[in-house]
């Protein structure tokens, strides 16, 4: 699950999981006495023999290569799965993220799709409706209930009351910050309790104070990451803005509203008027070269970073004093969630074993391994209770105050772009908003263009 494109808005992605399958067989019809034959007794010896006779199966499992840390987490989990299922060998082959969807589609067309794979939330609906994913509704309902999942997870998985995969986790945009910079400035840290979230004006005031200028040039920005649509879409929703008329049956966009315009203009002004952030790659290069955003935070080139919760795994292994807080609010404190879904290809020759793997990827053994590492957030409501948090909270990774954010994640809403299956509409958003953030057109023209072009595309694709 990686990472912003700099000045052009991006839809992210993220990572998934699943649990154990229990099948219920119906009662067999009684055999008439005259036809009944004595069944051989099942002894411990014959049971072991039967268990040992399971045919070996090899599953092809594909995910994306987001980072070495994430890939290592996946491999650790698969080692656990194979130790518990010695007849199943899982061959894991990560694909570079930028090539991922095109390669999966190519394999589907060639009937060589993997047995199990990471399915981007943004692809999940279109893949399922095209018949490319195995319908696991019955197996899922034997073990799980959609009502037990946090809202983004249940909303993404449910397609017309069918399930074609289990979401791995959720990931949400948050604020990361360099504590030493705040301490040096004598400023309070960003709140971790959503009830105490900064207003937008409070956030701007802090970002301005933390921006550092030397000899007429910015050497440290107060914040970075707000040019990324994945991040600022949560702020639009915080102000009451909407993206679609109906998440489950999108026919038009609702993006052209005063609520959306207010947020976009406020973000633009933070750079153009207040000079507390930037959207331009060349300006970022002036202060930090080609460093990653997390390194910019560590090295003091930015004081705050708006990024996905998955970055905690990487940040926790860096040698600096970091913290984590909730996003600023307009009307209410909101973040959104999404993540990749673990799905099986519709043409898999091993549907039972594929389900076993999908189940395992939602088990505590796998899920909590990645939550404790800071890569994921839990996907079920039970993990956000006091008892549930105790199962995954890791003081070596999760910073002070992190548990105060539990209700923020548990009450997150679905990330809007993950519900849209029309990729041409996504491109329209990116193109028009790119023009806005580079100063090529004002916000009212930008939103009107998106509304007209996107709704024409929705209408023509019916």
Protein backbone atom coordinates (compact mmCIF):
# COMPACT_ATOMS: atom_id res chain seq x y z
CA UNK A 1 0.00 0.00 0.00
CA UNK A 2 1.91 2.92 -1.13
CA UNK A 3 2.12 6.05 -1.47
CA UNK A 4 1.27 9.51 -2.75
CA UNK A 5 2.13 10.63 -6.23
CA UNK A 6 3.34 14.14 -5.11
CA UNK A 7 1.14 16.85 -6.76
CA UNK A 8 -1.34 14.54 -8.43
CA UNK A 9 -3.93 12.94 -6.24
CA UNK A 10 -3.82 9.29 -5.85
CA UNK A 11 -6.02 6.52 -4.68
CA UNK A 12 -4.33 4.20 -2.46
CA UNK A 13 -4.45 1.16 -1.60
CA UNK A 14 -3.84 -1.33 0.91
CA UNK A 15 -3.48 -5.00 2.31
CA UNK A 16 -6.01 -7.95 3.50
CA UNK A 17 -6.87 -11.18 5.42
CA UNK A 18 -9.28 -14.06 6.39
CA UNK A 19 -10.33 -16.96 8.82
CA UNK A 20 -11.03 -20.71 9.36
CA UNK A 21 -13.73 -22.49 7.39
CA UNK A 22 -16.29 -24.72 9.03
CA UNK A 23 -18.61 -26.66 6.72
CA UNK A 24 -21.89 -28.07 7.93
CA UNK A 25 -23.06 -31.22 6.19
CA UNK A 26 -26.74 -32.11 6.12
CA UNK A 27 -27.95 -35.36 7.70
CA UNK A 28 -27.73 -38.35 5.38
CA UNK A 29 -30.95 -40.22 4.57
CA UNK A 30 -31.24 -43.44 6.62
CA UNK A 31 -30.20 -46.62 4.83
CA UNK A 32 -32.86 -49.39 4.87
CA UNK A 33 -31.84 -52.21 7.19
CA UNK A 34 -31.67 -54.79 4.42
CA UNK A 35 -29.26 -52.63 2.42
CA UNK A 36 -27.14 -51.49 5.30
CA UNK A 37 -23.55 -52.66 5.41
CA UNK A 38 -21.34 -52.61 8.40
CA UNK A 39 -18.96 -49.66 8.28
CA UNK A 40 -15.37 -50.28 9.36
CA UNK A 41 -14.57 -48.79 12.73
CA UNK A 42 -12.60 -45.54 12.63
CA UNK A 43 -9.64 -45.93 14.93
CA UNK A 44 -6.98 -43.37 15.84
CA UNK A 45 -4.63 -45.28 13.54
CA UNK A 46 -6.98 -45.16 10.52
CA UNK A 47 -7.83 -41.51 11.22
CA UNK A 48 -4.15 -40.60 11.16
CA UNK A 49 -3.72 -42.64 8.01
CA UNK A 50 -6.62 -40.77 6.38
CA UNK A 51 -5.16 -37.45 7.46
CA UNK A 52 -1.80 -38.44 6.07
CA UNK A 53 -3.39 -39.37 2.73
CA UNK A 54 -4.37 -35.79 1.87
CA UNK A 55 -3.09 -35.05 -1.58
CA UNK A 56 -0.45 -32.35 -1.82
CA UNK A 57 -1.71 -29.09 -3.31
CA UNK A 58 0.23 -26.06 -4.49
CA UNK A 59 -1.52 -22.68 -4.36
CA UNK A 60 -0.28 -19.73 -6.36
CA UNK A 61 -0.62 -16.58 -4.24
CA UNK A 62 0.07 -13.11 -5.61
CA UNK A 63 0.35 -9.73 -3.90
CA UNK A 64 2.13 -6.49 -4.60
CA UNK A 65 5.65 -5.52 -3.69
CA UNK A 66 4.94 -2.41 -1.64
CA UNK A 67 7.97 -2.63 0.61
CA UNK A 68 10.40 -5.29 1.86
CA UNK A 69 8.84 -4.99 5.31
CA UNK A 70 5.36 -5.78 4.01
CA UNK A 71 6.57 -8.69 1.89
CA UNK A 72 8.40 -10.16 4.87
CA UNK A 73 5.21 -9.90 6.96
CA UNK A 74 3.29 -11.85 4.31
CA UNK A 75 5.95 -14.57 4.12
CA UNK A 76 6.00 -14.97 7.90
CA UNK A 77 2.25 -15.50 7.89
CA UNK A 78 2.42 -18.05 5.08
CA UNK A 79 5.04 -20.04 6.99
CA UNK A 80 2.53 -20.34 9.84
CA UNK A 81 -0.22 -21.43 7.44
CA UNK A 82 1.91 -24.11 5.79
CA UNK A 83 3.04 -25.46 9.16
CA UNK A 84 -0.64 -25.96 10.05
CA UNK A 85 -1.54 -27.36 6.63
CA UNK A 86 1.42 -29.55 5.61
CA UNK A 87 -0.29 -30.81 2.44
CA UNK A 88 -0.59 -27.25 1.06
CA UNK A 89 2.38 -25.40 -0.41
CA UNK A 90 1.85 -21.69 -1.06
CA UNK A 91 4.02 -20.08 -3.71
CA UNK A 92 3.99 -16.33 -3.06
CA UNK A 93 5.03 -14.05 -5.91
CA UNK A 94 4.80 -10.30 -5.32
CA UNK A 95 4.37 -7.96 -8.31
CA UNK A 96 5.49 -4.32 -8.35
CA UNK A 97 2.56 -2.14 -7.31
CA UNK A 98 2.49 0.07 -10.40
CA UNK A 99 2.11 -3.00 -12.64
CA UNK A 100 -0.19 -4.97 -10.39
CA UNK A 101 -3.71 -4.54 -11.78
CA UNK A 102 -2.65 -4.78 -15.43
CA UNK A 103 -0.74 -8.01 -14.77
CA UNK A 104 -3.63 -9.56 -12.83
CA UNK A 105 -6.03 -8.67 -15.65
CA UNK A 106 -3.67 -10.18 -18.21
CA UNK A 107 -3.49 -13.42 -16.22
CA UNK A 108 -7.29 -13.50 -15.90
CA UNK A 109 -7.73 -13.12 -19.65
CA UNK A 110 -5.21 -15.91 -20.24
CA UNK A 111 -6.92 -18.17 -17.66
CA UNK A 112 -3.70 -18.24 -15.63
CA UNK A 113 -4.89 -16.17 -12.67
CA UNK A 114 -3.43 -17.08 -9.26
CA UNK A 115 -5.48 -19.21 -6.89
CA UNK A 116 -5.52 -16.45 -4.26
CA UNK A 117 -4.43 -12.85 -4.61
CA UNK A 118 -4.55 -9.36 -3.17
CA UNK A 119 -7.45 -7.55 -4.82
CA UNK A 120 -7.35 -3.77 -4.61
CA UNK A 121 -10.53 -2.36 -3.10
CA UNK A 122 -10.70 -0.25 -6.27
CA UNK A 123 -10.76 -3.40 -8.45
CA UNK A 124 -12.83 -5.68 -6.24
CA UNK A 125 -16.29 -4.68 -7.51
CA UNK A 126 -15.40 -4.64 -11.19
CA UNK A 127 -13.56 -7.97 -10.95
CA UNK A 128 -16.48 -9.60 -9.14
CA UNK A 129 -19.11 -8.31 -11.55
CA UNK A 130 -17.01 -9.51 -14.49
CA UNK A 131 -17.06 -13.03 -13.04
CA UNK A 132 -13.35 -13.11 -12.24
CA UNK A 133 -13.66 -13.85 -8.51
CA UNK A 134 -14.78 -16.99 -6.70
CA UNK A 135 -18.10 -16.51 -4.89
CA UNK A 136 -17.40 -17.45 -1.26
CA UNK A 137 -20.70 -16.23 0.19
CA UNK A 138 -21.78 -19.58 1.62
CA UNK A 139 -18.39 -20.33 3.17
CA UNK A 140 -18.18 -16.81 4.58
CA UNK A 141 -21.65 -16.98 6.13
CA UNK A 142 -20.80 -20.27 7.85
CA UNK A 143 -18.07 -18.51 9.79
CA UNK A 144 -18.62 -14.75 9.74
CA UNK A 145 -21.23 -12.02 9.86
CA UNK A 146 -20.80 -8.78 7.95
CA UNK A 147 -22.29 -6.89 10.89
CA UNK A 148 -19.22 -7.81 12.96
CA UNK A 149 -16.93 -5.74 10.72
CA UNK A 150 -16.23 -2.02 10.95
CA UNK A 151 -18.19 0.04 8.37
CA UNK A 152 -15.52 0.36 5.64
CA UNK A 153 -14.80 -3.38 5.72
CA UNK A 154 -18.41 -4.55 5.54
CA UNK A 155 -19.33 -1.96 2.90
CA UNK A 156 -16.46 -2.94 0.61
CA UNK A 157 -16.94 -6.72 0.92
CA UNK A 158 -20.72 -6.71 0.36
CA UNK A 159 -21.66 -6.74 -3.34
CA UNK A 160 -25.42 -7.20 -3.73
CA UNK A 161 -25.40 -9.46 -0.64
CA UNK A 162 -22.61 -11.59 -2.07
CA UNK A 163 -19.02 -11.91 -0.81
CA UNK A 164 -16.08 -12.53 -3.14
CA UNK A 165 -13.23 -12.12 -0.69
CA UNK A 166 -12.42 -11.07 2.86
CA UNK A 167 -10.90 -7.69 3.49
CA UNK A 168 -7.44 -7.92 4.99
CA UNK A 169 -7.71 -5.04 7.44
CA UNK A 170 -8.41 -1.33 7.17
CA UNK A 171 -5.97 1.51 6.64
CA UNK A 172 -6.80 5.16 7.31
CA UNK A 173 -5.18 8.59 6.78
CA UNK A 174 -3.70 10.11 9.94
CA UNK A 175 -1.18 12.74 11.05
CA UNK A 176 2.40 11.69 11.83
CA UNK A 177 4.62 14.27 13.49
CA UNK A 178 8.17 14.83 14.65
CA UNK A 179 7.96 15.37 18.41
CA UNK A 180 11.34 17.08 18.65
CA UNK A 181 10.20 19.85 16.31
CA UNK A 182 7.05 20.42 18.37
CA UNK A 183 9.06 20.40 21.60
CA UNK A 184 11.54 22.90 20.22
CA UNK A 185 8.67 25.21 19.22
CA UNK A 186 6.87 24.73 22.55
CA UNK A 187 3.67 23.60 20.82
CA UNK A 188 1.15 20.95 21.84
CA UNK A 189 1.16 17.72 19.84
CA UNK A 190 -1.70 16.94 17.44
CA UNK A 191 -4.54 15.32 19.44
CA UNK A 192 -4.96 11.56 19.32
CA UNK A 193 -8.47 11.70 20.81
CA UNK A 194 -10.99 12.46 18.02
CA UNK A 195 -13.11 14.39 20.52
CA UNK A 196 -10.23 16.87 20.78
CA UNK A 197 -9.36 17.07 17.06
CA UNK A 198 -7.99 20.41 15.92
CA UNK A 199 -10.23 22.63 13.85
CA UNK A 200 -8.87 23.50 10.43
CA UNK A 201 -7.92 26.99 11.67
CA UNK A 202 -6.02 25.53 14.63
CA UNK A 203 -4.20 23.15 12.30
CA UNK A 204 -3.23 25.99 9.93
CA UNK A 205 -1.92 28.07 12.82
CA UNK A 206 0.37 25.23 13.98
CA UNK A 207 1.55 24.43 10.43
CA UNK A 208 2.49 28.10 9.90
CA UNK A 209 4.41 28.25 13.17
CA UNK A 210 6.37 25.10 12.32
CA UNK A 211 7.31 26.27 8.81
CA UNK A 212 10.91 27.49 8.80
CA UNK A 213 12.34 30.03 6.36
CA UNK A 214 16.04 30.89 6.03
CA UNK A 215 17.40 33.51 3.65
CA UNK A 216 14.04 33.78 1.95
CA UNK A 217 13.75 30.03 1.30
CA UNK A 218 11.67 27.42 3.05
CA UNK A 219 13.88 24.82 4.73
CA UNK A 220 11.04 23.12 6.58
CA UNK A 221 7.34 22.92 5.78
CA UNK A 222 4.83 22.64 8.58
CA UNK A 223 2.98 19.81 6.85
CA UNK A 224 3.11 17.67 3.74
CA UNK A 225 0.69 15.19 2.15
CA UNK A 226 -2.48 17.21 1.67
CA UNK A 227 -2.15 17.24 -2.12
CA UNK A 228 -3.05 13.55 -2.06
CA UNK A 229 -6.75 12.85 -2.73
CA UNK A 230 -6.64 9.75 -0.56
CA UNK A 231 -5.87 12.03 2.37
CA UNK A 232 -7.95 15.12 1.69
CA UNK A 233 -11.07 13.18 0.71
CA UNK A 234 -11.47 12.51 4.44
CA UNK A 235 -11.48 16.28 5.03
CA UNK A 236 -14.17 16.74 2.38
CA UNK A 237 -16.30 14.18 4.20
CA UNK A 238 -15.51 15.91 7.50
CA UNK A 239 -17.17 19.02 6.06
CA UNK A 240 -20.26 17.13 4.89
CA UNK A 241 -19.16 16.78 1.28
CA UNK A 242 -20.22 13.75 -0.76
CA UNK A 243 -18.63 11.97 -3.69
CA UNK A 244 -21.48 9.79 -5.00
CA UNK A 245 -25.26 9.62 -5.01
CA UNK A 246 -25.26 6.00 -3.80
CA UNK A 247 -22.15 4.05 -2.84
CA UNK A 248 -23.72 0.74 -3.85
CA UNK A 249 -25.16 1.93 -7.15
CA UNK A 250 -23.27 4.99 -8.34
CA UNK A 251 -25.01 6.89 -11.14
CA UNK A 252 -23.55 10.37 -10.63
CA UNK A 253 -21.04 12.36 -8.62
CA UNK A 254 -22.06 14.83 -5.91
CA UNK A 255 -18.61 16.42 -5.66
CA UNK A 256 -19.65 19.87 -6.90
CA UNK A 257 -20.81 21.35 -3.61
CA UNK A 258 -19.96 24.32 -1.37
CA UNK A 259 -18.64 21.85 1.24
CA UNK A 260 -16.11 20.36 -1.17
CA UNK A 261 -15.12 23.76 -2.55
CA UNK A 262 -14.42 25.10 0.94
CA UNK A 263 -12.04 22.24 1.76
CA UNK A 264 -10.16 22.32 -1.52
CA UNK A 265 -9.70 26.08 -1.38
CA UNK A 266 -8.50 25.87 2.24
CA UNK A 267 -5.87 23.28 1.30
CA UNK A 268 -4.75 25.31 -1.71
CA UNK A 269 -4.45 28.45 0.43
CA UNK A 270 -2.30 26.59 2.95
CA UNK A 271 0.34 26.43 0.21
CA UNK A 272 -0.35 29.50 -1.95
CA UNK A 273 -1.17 31.98 0.83
CA UNK A 274 0.32 30.62 4.05
CA UNK A 275 3.35 28.89 2.47
CA UNK A 276 3.07 26.13 5.10
CA UNK A 277 3.00 23.25 2.61
CA UNK A 278 3.67 22.59 -1.06
CA UNK A 279 2.20 20.51 -3.85
CA UNK A 280 5.13 20.85 -6.23
CA UNK A 281 7.88 18.24 -6.56
CA UNK A 282 10.61 20.78 -7.31
CA UNK A 283 9.89 22.65 -4.08
CA UNK A 284 10.10 19.43 -2.08
CA UNK A 285 13.40 18.63 -3.77
CA UNK A 286 14.77 22.00 -2.66
CA UNK A 287 14.30 21.09 0.99
CA UNK A 288 14.95 17.34 0.99
CA UNK A 289 16.25 16.11 -2.32
CA UNK A 290 14.73 12.80 -3.38
CA UNK A 291 13.98 11.54 0.12
CA UNK A 292 10.79 9.65 0.88
CA UNK A 293 8.11 11.52 2.82
CA UNK A 294 8.84 9.49 5.94
CA UNK A 295 12.52 10.42 5.74
CA UNK A 296 11.57 14.07 5.30
CA UNK A 297 9.68 13.77 8.58
CA UNK A 298 12.50 12.01 10.36
CA UNK A 299 15.14 14.48 9.15
CA UNK A 300 13.13 17.55 10.08
CA UNK A 301 12.34 18.77 6.55
CA UNK A 302 8.64 18.61 7.44
CA UNK A 303 7.07 18.79 10.90
CA UNK A 304 3.87 16.84 10.11
CA UNK A 305 3.04 14.24 7.50
CA UNK A 306 -0.48 13.29 6.40
CA UNK A 307 -0.24 9.68 5.27
CA UNK A 308 -1.86 6.27 5.51
CA UNK A 309 -1.78 4.31 8.76
CA UNK A 310 0.33 1.63 7.06
CA UNK A 311 3.35 3.94 7.22
CA UNK A 312 3.57 3.30 10.97
CA UNK A 313 5.44 0.03 10.28
CA UNK A 314 8.20 1.91 8.48
CA UNK A 315 8.25 4.93 10.80
CA UNK A 316 8.45 2.75 13.91
CA UNK A 317 11.76 1.34 12.66
CA UNK A 318 13.29 4.77 12.10
CA UNK A 319 15.40 6.32 14.78
CA UNK A 320 13.46 9.45 15.75
CA UNK A 321 10.86 10.68 18.21
CA UNK A 322 7.52 10.32 16.39
CA UNK A 323 3.86 10.66 17.27
CA UNK A 324 0.52 10.04 15.62
CA UNK A 325 -2.73 11.98 15.76
CA UNK A 326 -6.15 12.40 14.17
CA UNK A 327 -6.76 14.59 11.14
CA UNK A 328 -7.98 18.16 11.62
CA UNK A 329 -11.72 18.63 11.24
CA UNK A 330 -14.06 21.00 9.49
CA UNK A 331 -17.42 20.01 10.99
CA UNK A 332 -16.62 16.64 12.58
CA UNK A 333 -13.59 14.44 13.14
CA UNK A 334 -13.67 11.78 10.42
CA UNK A 335 -11.27 9.42 8.77
CA UNK A 336 -12.04 6.83 6.15
CA UNK A 337 -10.90 3.26 5.64
CA UNK A 338 -10.26 0.76 2.88
CA UNK A 339 -7.84 -2.08 2.19
CA UNK A 340 -7.16 -4.86 -0.24
CA UNK A 341 -9.36 -7.94 -0.23
CA UNK A 342 -8.05 -11.50 -0.22
CA UNK A 343 -9.88 -13.19 -3.09
CA UNK A 344 -9.67 -16.41 -5.07
CA UNK A 345 -9.76 -16.56 -8.84
CA UNK A 346 -13.02 -17.89 -10.26
CA UNK A 347 -11.10 -20.53 -12.24
CA UNK A 348 -8.99 -21.90 -9.39
CA UNK A 349 -8.65 -25.69 -9.49
CA UNK A 350 -8.39 -25.74 -5.69
CA UNK A 351 -11.38 -23.82 -4.31
CA UNK A 352 -11.40 -25.62 -0.94
CA UNK A 353 -7.72 -25.02 -0.28
CA UNK A 354 -8.03 -21.44 -1.56
CA UNK A 355 -10.77 -20.88 1.01
CA UNK A 356 -8.56 -22.37 3.71
CA UNK A 357 -5.87 -19.84 2.86
CA UNK A 358 -8.32 -16.94 2.72
CA UNK A 359 -9.67 -18.00 6.11
CA UNK A 360 -6.20 -18.10 7.58
CA UNK A 361 -5.41 -14.62 6.26
CA UNK A 362 -8.24 -13.31 8.46
CA UNK A 363 -7.22 -15.24 11.55
CA UNK A 364 -5.56 -13.79 14.63
CA UNK A 365 -2.36 -15.59 13.65
CA UNK A 366 -2.03 -13.50 10.51
CA UNK A 367 -4.10 -10.36 11.11
CA UNK A 368 -2.62 -9.48 14.48
CA UNK A 369 0.91 -10.20 13.26
CA UNK A 370 0.51 -7.28 10.84
CA UNK A 371 -1.42 -5.06 13.25
CA UNK A 372 1.29 -5.42 15.91
CA UNK A 373 3.88 -4.49 13.27
CA UNK A 374 2.04 -1.23 12.52
CA UNK A 375 1.20 -2.21 8.93
CA UNK A 376 -2.55 -2.71 9.39
CA UNK A 377 -5.52 -1.74 11.53
CA UNK A 378 -8.06 -4.41 12.55
CA UNK A 379 -11.13 -4.97 10.39
CA UNK A 380 -13.58 -6.17 13.08
CA UNK A 381 -15.38 -4.25 15.81
CA UNK A 382 -14.27 -6.71 18.51
CA UNK A 383 -10.66 -5.61 18.14
CA UNK A 384 -11.53 -2.05 19.20
CA UNK A 385 -12.90 -2.97 22.62
CA UNK A 386 -10.57 -2.66 25.61
CA UNK A 387 -10.04 -6.42 25.58
CA UNK A 388 -9.55 -6.46 21.81
CA UNK A 389 -6.99 -3.64 21.79
CA UNK A 390 -4.94 -5.55 24.37
CA UNK A 391 -4.49 -8.36 21.82
CA UNK A 392 -2.60 -6.18 19.33
CA UNK A 393 -1.31 -3.02 21.00
CA UNK A 394 2.47 -2.93 20.76
CA UNK A 395 4.23 -0.17 22.76
CA UNK A 396 7.37 -0.65 20.69
CA UNK A 397 5.44 0.39 17.58
CA UNK A 398 2.25 2.23 18.53
CA UNK A 399 3.11 5.67 19.95
CA UNK A 400 1.77 7.21 23.11
CA UNK A 401 -1.93 8.01 22.82
CA UNK A 402 -2.53 5.52 20.02
CA UNK A 403 -5.23 3.66 21.95
CA UNK A 404 -7.20 6.93 22.13
CA UNK A 405 -7.54 6.67 18.36
CA UNK A 406 -9.36 3.31 18.52
CA UNK A 407 -12.87 4.82 18.25
CA UNK A 408 -11.66 7.01 15.37
CA UNK A 409 -10.75 3.91 13.36
CA UNK A 410 -13.73 1.84 14.54
CA UNK A 411 -16.14 4.57 13.39
CA UNK A 412 -14.35 5.32 10.12
CA UNK A 413 -16.37 5.57 6.92
CA UNK A 414 -15.66 3.87 3.62
CA UNK A 415 -13.06 5.56 1.41
CA UNK A 416 -15.20 6.91 -1.45
CA UNK A 417 -13.05 6.10 -4.48
CA UNK A 418 -12.92 2.42 -3.51
CA UNK A 419 -16.64 2.15 -4.34
CA UNK A 420 -16.36 3.42 -7.92
CA UNK A 421 -15.78 0.90 -10.72
CA UNK A 422 -15.62 3.39 -13.61
CA UNK A 423 -11.91 4.02 -14.08
CA UNK A 424 -12.55 6.78 -16.63
CA UNK A 425 -14.30 8.75 -13.90
CA UNK A 426 -11.28 8.32 -11.65
CA UNK A 427 -9.10 9.71 -14.44
CA UNK A 428 -11.39 12.72 -14.78
CA UNK A 429 -11.02 13.47 -11.06
CA UNK A 430 -7.24 13.21 -11.26
CA UNK A 431 -6.95 15.37 -14.36
CA UNK A 432 -9.18 18.20 -13.18
CA UNK A 433 -7.91 18.28 -9.61
CA UNK A 434 -4.35 18.21 -10.89
CA UNK A 435 -5.09 21.43 -12.77
CA UNK A 436 -6.50 22.98 -9.61
CA UNK A 437 -3.59 22.14 -7.34
CA UNK A 438 -1.06 23.46 -9.86
CA UNK A 439 -2.97 26.75 -10.10
CA UNK A 440 -4.20 26.21 -13.66
CA UNK A 441 -7.91 26.63 -12.86
CA UNK A 442 -10.05 27.83 -9.92
CA UNK A 443 -12.00 25.54 -7.64
CA UNK A 444 -15.45 26.37 -9.03
CA UNK A 445 -14.39 25.54 -12.59
CA UNK A 446 -12.65 22.39 -11.39
CA UNK A 447 -15.71 21.02 -9.61
CA UNK A 448 -18.08 21.99 -12.42
CA UNK A 449 -15.84 20.23 -14.94
CA UNK A 450 -15.67 17.09 -12.83
CA UNK A 451 -19.44 17.06 -12.37
CA UNK A 452 -20.20 17.49 -16.07
CA UNK A 453 -17.56 15.12 -17.43
CA UNK A 454 -18.01 12.39 -14.78
CA UNK A 455 -21.80 12.36 -15.02
CA UNK A 456 -21.64 12.18 -18.83
CA UNK A 457 -19.30 9.20 -18.46
CA UNK A 458 -21.59 7.47 -15.95
CA UNK A 459 -24.57 7.99 -18.26
CA UNK A 460 -22.77 6.71 -21.36
CA UNK A 461 -21.47 3.58 -19.62
CA UNK A 462 -24.86 2.30 -18.44
